[in-house]
Amino acid sequence: MARHVGMGSLITTACTLVAVLIPFVVLDPSQMLVLALLVAALLPWAVLYLRPAWGPLKFVLAGALTAVLTVSAAGTLYYRAHPVQENDVKASAPPSLAKLASRLKFLPLPGPVDHCVSFAGTGTIPAHYALVLFDRPSDSAGHYSPTSTFSYDGPAGSTPGAPGWTAPDRNIGSGDASDQNGHITIAAVLVPQDTVTFLDAFTSDSDSGQLPPAVTALGATADQLTLTRNTRNARC
């Protein structure tokens, strides 16, 4: 009996010392949890030595408790080595407006172009959104003229029976003689469908039909196309 008690006291003392020393070791919280679980897994065996009269089931009980605590420690180690990535959490999130817009591109146009121009592009306009076009005077590199504003050229439509989109017969630029050899940049902007109604109403009530430079912030710019005007100014 004395030998059992002495051995139990020794094991208990060792467990206590380890538990006390854990906070002083340079470990992160998950490592400390693993050590604490492993130390706790030894405690049932210490109890066996202190209470030897518990009968044959004592080893079953001690073994079960040790197994549970050891598995818990192993699980903590596994999830520490395989943390949940931020991308896994966001995998089911819908794509952002900018990402949807990036799939829509202009097809190139040979130039110079008339005042009346038809556009086409690649990509599918997503449901509940619209691809609207704006034009604005620029230089040949697509840098907008500092004092210029946007003109609204309306929404594009999906190509019937095929991928892509079209925007036929759009009046680009002012249509004046001053447009000759000038550069105009067309911006395709993906916006929520309701925004088209707002733009249609706003431009129809406007005397000039011009929109401020910040209008593209209503959505996400999908693509830009810089064109050179010729001398043909007939309207669509």
C-alpha atoms as a PDB file:
ATOM      1  CA  MET A   1       0.000   0.000   0.000  1.00  0.00           C
ATOM      2  CA  ALA A   2       2.791   2.403   0.929  1.00  0.00           C
ATOM      3  CA  ARG A   3       4.527   1.619  -2.320  1.00  0.00           C
ATOM      4  CA  HIS A   4       1.364   2.457  -4.291  1.00  0.00           C
ATOM      5  CA  VAL A   5       0.865   5.697  -2.417  1.00  0.00           C
ATOM      6  CA  GLY A   6       4.507   6.651  -2.866  1.00  0.00           C
ATOM      7  CA  MET A   7       4.412   5.969  -6.594  1.00  0.00           C
ATOM      8  CA  GLY A   8       1.132   7.850  -6.965  1.00  0.00           C
ATOM      9  CA  SER A   9       2.535  10.820  -5.095  1.00  0.00           C
ATOM     10  CA  LEU A  10       5.591  10.816  -7.334  1.00  0.00           C
ATOM     11  CA  ILE A  11       3.529  10.810 -10.506  1.00  0.00           C
ATOM     12  CA  THR A  12       1.185  13.461  -9.129  1.00  0.00           C
ATOM     13  CA  THR A  13       4.125  15.650  -8.169  1.00  0.00           C
ATOM     14  CA  ALA A  14       5.655  15.246 -11.647  1.00  0.00           C
ATOM     15  CA  CYS A  15       2.363  16.167 -13.322  1.00  0.00           C
ATOM     16  CA  THR A  16       2.006  19.201 -11.076  1.00  0.00           C
ATOM     17  CA  LEU A  17       5.526  20.408 -11.843  1.00  0.00           C
ATOM     18  CA  VAL A  18       5.017  20.061 -15.574  1.00  0.00           C
ATOM     19  CA  ALA A  19       1.673  21.882 -15.411  1.00  0.00           C
ATOM     20  CA  VAL A  20       3.252  24.702 -13.415  1.00  0.00           C
ATOM     21  CA  LEU A  21       6.190  25.011 -15.811  1.00  0.00           C
ATOM     22  CA  ILE A  22       4.064  25.104 -18.983  1.00  0.00           C
ATOM     23  CA  PRO A  23       3.197  28.844 -18.750  1.00  0.00           C
ATOM     24  CA  PHE A  24       6.863  29.687 -18.447  1.00  0.00           C
ATOM     25  CA  VAL A  25       7.839  27.919 -21.650  1.00  0.00           C
ATOM     26  CA  VAL A  26       7.782  29.991 -24.826  1.00  0.00           C
ATOM     27  CA  LEU A  27       4.771  28.343 -26.450  1.00  0.00           C
ATOM     28  CA  ASP A  28       1.793  29.617 -28.324  1.00  0.00           C
ATOM     29  CA  PRO A  29      -1.686  28.896 -26.887  1.00  0.00           C
ATOM     30  CA  SER A  30      -2.308  25.837 -29.071  1.00  0.00           C
ATOM     31  CA  GLN A  31       0.981  24.225 -28.026  1.00  0.00           C
ATOM     32  CA  MET A  32       0.197  24.886 -24.372  1.00  0.00           C
ATOM     33  CA  LEU A  33      -3.217  23.243 -24.824  1.00  0.00           C
ATOM     34  CA  VAL A  34      -1.634  20.129 -26.334  1.00  0.00           C
ATOM     35  CA  LEU A  35       0.812  19.778 -23.422  1.00  0.00           C
ATOM     36  CA  ALA A  36      -1.940  20.350 -20.873  1.00  0.00           C
ATOM     37  CA  LEU A  37      -4.041  17.593 -22.471  1.00  0.00           C
ATOM     38  CA  LEU A  38      -1.131  15.170 -22.476  1.00  0.00           C
ATOM     39  CA  VAL A  39      -0.376  15.923 -18.824  1.00  0.00           C
ATOM     40  CA  ALA A  40      -4.049  15.432 -17.979  1.00  0.00           C
ATOM     41  CA  ALA A  41      -3.905  12.061 -19.751  1.00  0.00           C
ATOM     42  CA  LEU A  42      -1.460  10.863 -17.039  1.00  0.00           C
ATOM     43  CA  LEU A  43      -3.658  11.831 -14.123  1.00  0.00           C
ATOM     44  CA  PRO A  44      -5.986   8.759 -14.237  1.00  0.00           C
ATOM     45  CA  TRP A  45      -2.967   6.530 -13.680  1.00  0.00           C
ATOM     46  CA  ALA A  46      -1.920   8.581 -10.697  1.00  0.00           C
ATOM     47  CA  VAL A  47      -5.415   8.083  -9.287  1.00  0.00           C
ATOM     48  CA  LEU A  48      -5.038   4.317  -9.731  1.00  0.00           C
ATOM     49  CA  TYR A  49      -2.068   4.270  -7.404  1.00  0.00           C
ATOM     50  CA  LEU A  50      -3.803   6.458  -4.867  1.00  0.00           C
ATOM     51  CA  ARG A  51      -7.038   4.387  -4.949  1.00  0.00           C
ATOM     52  CA  PRO A  52      -5.935   0.794  -5.618  1.00  0.00           C
ATOM     53  CA  ALA A  53      -9.157  -0.690  -4.220  1.00  0.00           C
ATOM     54  CA  TRP A  54     -11.369   0.508  -7.065  1.00  0.00           C
ATOM     55  CA  GLY A  55     -11.450  -2.951  -8.635  1.00  0.00           C
ATOM     56  CA  PRO A  56     -10.684  -4.367 -12.105  1.00  0.00           C
ATOM     57  CA  LEU A  57     -12.561  -1.596 -13.930  1.00  0.00           C
ATOM     58  CA  LYS A  58     -10.010   0.937 -12.767  1.00  0.00           C
ATOM     59  CA  PHE A  59      -7.690   0.135 -15.701  1.00  0.00           C
ATOM     60  CA  VAL A  60     -10.559   0.437 -18.195  1.00  0.00           C
ATOM     61  CA  LEU A  61     -11.545   3.808 -16.779  1.00  0.00           C
ATOM     62  CA  ALA A  62      -7.995   5.092 -16.724  1.00  0.00           C
ATOM     63  CA  GLY A  63      -7.330   3.839 -20.247  1.00  0.00           C
ATOM     64  CA  ALA A  64     -10.514   5.461 -21.587  1.00  0.00           C
ATOM     65  CA  LEU A  65      -9.739   8.824 -20.016  1.00  0.00           C
ATOM     66  CA  THR A  66      -6.165   8.721 -21.292  1.00  0.00           C
ATOM     67  CA  ALA A  67      -7.348   7.813 -24.807  1.00  0.00           C
ATOM     68  CA  VAL A  68      -9.854  10.683 -24.884  1.00  0.00           C
ATOM     69  CA  LEU A  69      -7.306  13.246 -23.741  1.00  0.00           C
ATOM     70  CA  THR A  70      -4.631  11.930 -26.097  1.00  0.00           C
ATOM     71  CA  VAL A  71      -6.998  12.054 -29.077  1.00  0.00           C
ATOM     72  CA  SER A  72      -7.921  15.617 -28.119  1.00  0.00           C
ATOM     73  CA  ALA A  73      -4.248  16.556 -28.080  1.00  0.00           C
ATOM     74  CA  ALA A  74      -3.696  14.875 -31.460  1.00  0.00           C
ATOM     75  CA  GLY A  75      -6.677  16.713 -32.930  1.00  0.00           C
ATOM     76  CA  THR A  76      -5.351  20.032 -31.698  1.00  0.00           C
ATOM     77  CA  LEU A  77      -1.980  19.295 -33.293  1.00  0.00           C
ATOM     78  CA  TYR A  78      -3.674  18.366 -36.596  1.00  0.00           C
ATOM     79  CA  TYR A  79      -5.765  21.500 -36.859  1.00  0.00           C
ATOM     80  CA  ARG A  80      -2.785  23.598 -35.852  1.00  0.00           C
ATOM     81  CA  ALA A  81      -0.825  22.088 -38.756  1.00  0.00           C
ATOM     82  CA  HIS A  82      -3.791  22.470 -41.143  1.00  0.00           C
ATOM     83  CA  PRO A  83      -5.370  25.842 -40.362  1.00  0.00           C
ATOM     84  CA  VAL A  84      -8.505  26.927 -42.171  1.00  0.00           C
ATOM     85  CA  GLN A  85      -7.443  29.234 -44.967  1.00  0.00           C
ATOM     86  CA  GLU A  86      -9.201  32.524 -45.611  1.00  0.00           C
ATOM     87  CA  ASN A  87      -9.819  31.422 -49.201  1.00  0.00           C
ATOM     88  CA  ASP A  88     -11.647  28.324 -47.924  1.00  0.00           C
ATOM     89  CA  VAL A  89     -14.018  30.503 -45.915  1.00  0.00           C
ATOM     90  CA  LYS A  90     -14.715  32.754 -48.872  1.00  0.00           C
ATOM     91  CA  ALA A  91     -14.956  30.003 -51.468  1.00  0.00           C
ATOM     92  CA  SER A  92     -18.739  30.155 -51.523  1.00  0.00           C
ATOM     93  CA  ALA A  93     -18.939  33.948 -51.539  1.00  0.00           C
ATOM     94  CA  PRO A  94     -20.232  35.517 -54.775  1.00  0.00           C
ATOM     95  CA  PRO A  95     -17.619  37.157 -56.997  1.00  0.00           C
ATOM     96  CA  SER A  96     -17.158  40.888 -56.595  1.00  0.00           C
ATOM     97  CA  LEU A  97     -18.474  43.396 -59.128  1.00  0.00           C
ATOM     98  CA  ALA A  98     -14.903  44.155 -60.250  1.00  0.00           C
ATOM     99  CA  LYS A  99     -14.240  40.453 -60.894  1.00  0.00           C
ATOM    100  CA  LEU A 100     -17.440  40.109 -62.909  1.00  0.00           C
ATOM    101  CA  ALA A 101     -16.527  43.212 -64.903  1.00  0.00           C
ATOM    102  CA  SER A 102     -13.027  41.924 -65.677  1.00  0.00           C
ATOM    103  CA  ARG A 103     -14.577  39.164 -67.813  1.00  0.00           C
ATOM    104  CA  LEU A 104     -16.062  41.663 -70.268  1.00  0.00           C
ATOM    105  CA  LYS A 105     -13.787  43.096 -72.976  1.00  0.00           C
ATOM    106  CA  PHE A 106     -14.112  45.151 -76.162  1.00  0.00           C
ATOM    107  CA  LEU A 107     -13.338  43.575 -79.512  1.00  0.00           C
ATOM    108  CA  PRO A 108     -10.862  45.799 -81.391  1.00  0.00           C
ATOM    109  CA  LEU A 109     -12.168  48.263 -83.978  1.00  0.00           C
ATOM    110  CA  PRO A 110     -10.220  49.422 -87.020  1.00  0.00           C
ATOM    111  CA  GLY A 111     -10.019  53.202 -87.229  1.00  0.00           C
ATOM    112  CA  PRO A 112     -10.484  56.013 -87.747  1.00  0.00           C
ATOM    113  CA  VAL A 113     -14.205  55.650 -87.024  1.00  0.00           C
ATOM    114  CA  ASP A 114     -17.367  57.520 -87.942  1.00  0.00           C
ATOM    115  CA  HIS A 115     -19.526  59.466 -85.516  1.00  0.00           C
ATOM    116  CA  CYS A 116     -21.882  56.452 -85.588  1.00  0.00           C
ATOM    117  CA  VAL A 117     -20.117  53.365 -84.293  1.00  0.00           C
ATOM    118  CA  SER A 118     -21.162  49.812 -83.428  1.00  0.00           C
ATOM    119  CA  PHE A 119     -19.314  47.944 -80.691  1.00  0.00           C
ATOM    120  CA  ALA A 120     -18.962  44.286 -79.793  1.00  0.00           C
ATOM    121  CA  GLY A 121     -17.188  42.466 -77.022  1.00  0.00           C
ATOM    122  CA  THR A 122     -16.407  39.199 -75.320  1.00  0.00           C
ATOM    123  CA  GLY A 123     -17.775  37.751 -72.101  1.00  0.00           C
ATOM    124  CA  THR A 124     -21.311  37.264 -70.842  1.00  0.00           C
ATOM    125  CA  ILE A 125     -23.125  40.078 -69.063  1.00  0.00           C
ATOM    126  CA  PRO A 126     -24.176  38.555 -65.721  1.00  0.00           C
ATOM    127  CA  ALA A 127     -27.795  38.400 -64.654  1.00  0.00           C
ATOM    128  CA  HIS A 128     -29.127  41.423 -62.740  1.00  0.00           C
ATOM    129  CA  TYR A 129     -26.361  43.637 -64.145  1.00  0.00           C
ATOM    130  CA  ALA A 130     -25.990  45.841 -67.202  1.00  0.00           C
ATOM    131  CA  LEU A 131     -22.955  46.880 -69.235  1.00  0.00           C
ATOM    132  CA  VAL A 132     -23.224  50.576 -70.054  1.00  0.00           C
ATOM    133  CA  LEU A 133     -20.997  52.624 -72.344  1.00  0.00           C
ATOM    134  CA  PHE A 134     -19.666  56.140 -71.872  1.00  0.00           C
ATOM    135  CA  ASP A 135     -17.419  58.164 -74.164  1.00  0.00           C
ATOM    136  CA  ARG A 136     -15.078  61.014 -73.297  1.00  0.00           C
ATOM    137  CA  PRO A 137     -12.419  63.014 -75.207  1.00  0.00           C
ATOM    138  CA  SER A 138      -8.902  61.798 -74.532  1.00  0.00           C
ATOM    139  CA  ASP A 139      -5.419  61.619 -75.988  1.00  0.00           C
ATOM    140  CA  SER A 140      -4.143  58.703 -78.074  1.00  0.00           C
ATOM    141  CA  ALA A 141      -3.055  56.843 -74.917  1.00  0.00           C
ATOM    142  CA  GLY A 142      -6.531  56.974 -73.403  1.00  0.00           C
ATOM    143  CA  HIS A 143      -5.841  59.736 -70.868  1.00  0.00           C
ATOM    144  CA  TYR A 144      -8.987  61.798 -70.519  1.00  0.00           C
ATOM    145  CA  SER A 145      -8.920  65.511 -71.302  1.00  0.00           C
ATOM    146  CA  PRO A 146      -8.835  67.260 -67.901  1.00  0.00           C
ATOM    147  CA  THR A 147     -11.852  69.514 -68.473  1.00  0.00           C
ATOM    148  CA  SER A 148     -13.961  66.988 -70.379  1.00  0.00           C
ATOM    149  CA  THR A 149     -17.039  65.092 -69.233  1.00  0.00           C
ATOM    150  CA  PHE A 150     -18.616  61.762 -70.143  1.00  0.00           C
ATOM    151  CA  SER A 151     -21.399  61.209 -72.633  1.00  0.00           C
ATOM    152  CA  TYR A 152     -23.759  58.341 -71.935  1.00  0.00           C
ATOM    153  CA  ASP A 153     -24.043  55.867 -74.821  1.00  0.00           C
ATOM    154  CA  GLY A 154     -26.555  53.470 -73.302  1.00  0.00           C
ATOM    155  CA  PRO A 155     -26.404  49.801 -72.326  1.00  0.00           C
ATOM    156  CA  ALA A 156     -24.994  46.956 -74.380  1.00  0.00           C
ATOM    157  CA  GLY A 157     -26.971  43.807 -75.040  1.00  0.00           C
ATOM    158  CA  SER A 158     -26.152  40.120 -75.060  1.00  0.00           C
ATOM    159  CA  THR A 159     -25.395  38.564 -78.435  1.00  0.00           C
ATOM    160  CA  PRO A 160     -28.405  36.390 -79.407  1.00  0.00           C
ATOM    161  CA  GLY A 161     -27.512  32.708 -79.458  1.00  0.00           C
ATOM    162  CA  ALA A 162     -23.825  33.285 -78.824  1.00  0.00           C
ATOM    163  CA  PRO A 163     -21.455  34.443 -76.108  1.00  0.00           C
ATOM    164  CA  GLY A 164     -20.413  38.066 -76.079  1.00  0.00           C
ATOM    165  CA  TRP A 165     -22.235  41.375 -76.261  1.00  0.00           C
ATOM    166  CA  THR A 166     -22.999  44.126 -78.754  1.00  0.00           C
ATOM    167  CA  ALA A 167     -23.798  47.832 -78.688  1.00  0.00           C
ATOM    168  CA  PRO A 168     -24.856  48.834 -82.206  1.00  0.00           C
ATOM    169  CA  ASP A 169     -25.209  52.369 -83.592  1.00  0.00           C
ATOM    170  CA  ARG A 170     -23.822  54.638 -80.882  1.00  0.00           C
ATOM    171  CA  ASN A 171     -23.065  58.308 -81.538  1.00  0.00           C
ATOM    172  CA  ILE A 172     -19.503  58.919 -80.382  1.00  0.00           C
ATOM    173  CA  GLY A 173     -18.150  62.389 -79.760  1.00  0.00           C
ATOM    174  CA  SER A 174     -19.906  65.635 -80.535  1.00  0.00           C
ATOM    175  CA  GLY A 175     -20.365  65.024 -84.261  1.00  0.00           C
ATOM    176  CA  ASP A 176     -18.830  68.439 -85.017  1.00  0.00           C
ATOM    177  CA  ALA A 177     -16.001  69.180 -87.432  1.00  0.00           C
ATOM    178  CA  SER A 178     -13.716  69.585 -84.414  1.00  0.00           C
ATOM    179  CA  ASP A 179     -13.891  65.824 -83.866  1.00  0.00           C
ATOM    180  CA  GLN A 180     -11.744  65.143 -86.924  1.00  0.00           C
ATOM    181  CA  ASN A 181      -8.535  63.291 -85.966  1.00  0.00           C
ATOM    182  CA  GLY A 182      -9.491  63.651 -82.321  1.00  0.00           C
ATOM    183  CA  HIS A 183      -9.307  60.774 -79.851  1.00  0.00           C
ATOM    184  CA  ILE A 184     -12.206  59.459 -77.832  1.00  0.00           C
ATOM    185  CA  THR A 185     -12.080  56.761 -75.155  1.00  0.00           C
ATOM    186  CA  ILE A 186     -15.083  54.497 -74.678  1.00  0.00           C
ATOM    187  CA  ALA A 187     -15.524  53.087 -71.190  1.00  0.00           C
ATOM    188  CA  ALA A 188     -17.608  49.945 -70.617  1.00  0.00           C
ATOM    189  CA  VAL A 189     -18.868  49.909 -67.030  1.00  0.00           C
ATOM    190  CA  LEU A 190     -20.714  47.052 -65.326  1.00  0.00           C
ATOM    191  CA  VAL A 191     -23.498  48.402 -63.098  1.00  0.00           C
ATOM    192  CA  PRO A 192     -26.538  46.994 -61.255  1.00  0.00           C
ATOM    193  CA  GLN A 193     -29.549  46.777 -63.553  1.00  0.00           C
ATOM    194  CA  ASP A 194     -31.432  49.493 -61.657  1.00  0.00           C
ATOM    195  CA  THR A 195     -28.644  51.978 -62.449  1.00  0.00           C
ATOM    196  CA  VAL A 196     -29.613  51.926 -66.138  1.00  0.00           C
ATOM    197  CA  THR A 197     -33.037  53.309 -65.278  1.00  0.00           C
ATOM    198  CA  PHE A 198     -31.404  56.106 -63.308  1.00  0.00           C
ATOM    199  CA  LEU A 199     -28.970  56.947 -66.134  1.00  0.00           C
ATOM    200  CA  ASP A 200     -31.720  56.906 -68.766  1.00  0.00           C
ATOM    201  CA  ALA A 201     -33.885  59.249 -66.694  1.00  0.00           C
ATOM    202  CA  PHE A 202     -30.990  61.530 -65.775  1.00  0.00           C
ATOM    203  CA  THR A 203     -29.692  61.996 -69.318  1.00  0.00           C
ATOM    204  CA  SER A 204     -33.175  62.429 -70.791  1.00  0.00           C
ATOM    205  CA  ASP A 205     -33.815  65.301 -68.352  1.00  0.00           C
ATOM    206  CA  SER A 206     -30.400  66.875 -68.935  1.00  0.00           C
ATOM    207  CA  ASP A 207     -30.014  69.687 -71.452  1.00  0.00           C
ATOM    208  CA  SER A 208     -26.486  68.628 -72.426  1.00  0.00           C
ATOM    209  CA  GLY A 209     -26.560  64.888 -71.745  1.00  0.00           C
ATOM    210  CA  GLN A 210     -23.122  65.224 -70.189  1.00  0.00           C
ATOM    211  CA  LEU A 211     -22.138  63.372 -67.036  1.00  0.00           C
ATOM    212  CA  PRO A 212     -19.391  64.161 -64.498  1.00  0.00           C
ATOM    213  CA  PRO A 213     -16.126  62.161 -64.447  1.00  0.00           C
ATOM    214  CA  ALA A 214     -17.220  60.358 -61.268  1.00  0.00           C
ATOM    215  CA  VAL A 215     -20.129  58.651 -63.046  1.00  0.00           C
ATOM    216  CA  THR A 216     -18.052  55.509 -63.664  1.00  0.00           C
ATOM    217  CA  ALA A 217     -17.966  54.999 -59.884  1.00  0.00           C
ATOM    218  CA  LEU A 218     -21.581  53.791 -60.157  1.00  0.00           C
ATOM    219  CA  GLY A 219     -20.120  50.427 -61.119  1.00  0.00           C
ATOM    220  CA  ALA A 220     -16.875  48.730 -62.096  1.00  0.00           C
ATOM    221  CA  THR A 221     -15.032  49.580 -65.308  1.00  0.00           C
ATOM    222  CA  ALA A 222     -14.782  46.448 -67.445  1.00  0.00           C
ATOM    223  CA  ASP A 223     -12.681  47.770 -70.338  1.00  0.00           C
ATOM    224  CA  GLN A 224     -11.723  50.884 -72.275  1.00  0.00           C
ATOM    225  CA  LEU A 225     -11.234  51.428 -75.996  1.00  0.00           C
ATOM    226  CA  THR A 226      -9.551  54.521 -77.461  1.00  0.00           C
ATOM    227  CA  LEU A 227     -10.605  55.477 -80.985  1.00  0.00           C
ATOM    228  CA  THR A 228      -9.641  58.114 -83.536  1.00  0.00           C
ATOM    229  CA  ARG A 229     -12.422  60.020 -85.289  1.00  0.00           C
ATOM    230  CA  ASN A 230     -12.620  60.547 -89.054  1.00  0.00           C
ATOM    231  CA  THR A 231     -14.493  63.290 -90.898  1.00  0.00           C
ATOM    232  CA  ARG A 232     -17.851  61.500 -91.271  1.00  0.00           C
ATOM    233  CA  ASN A 233     -20.234  63.044 -88.736  1.00  0.00           C
ATOM    234  CA  ALA A 234     -23.588  61.587 -89.781  1.00  0.00           C
ATOM    235  CA  ARG A 235     -25.645  60.545 -86.776  1.00  0.00           C
ATOM    236  CA  CYS A 236     -26.940  57.006 -86.330  1.00  0.00           C
END
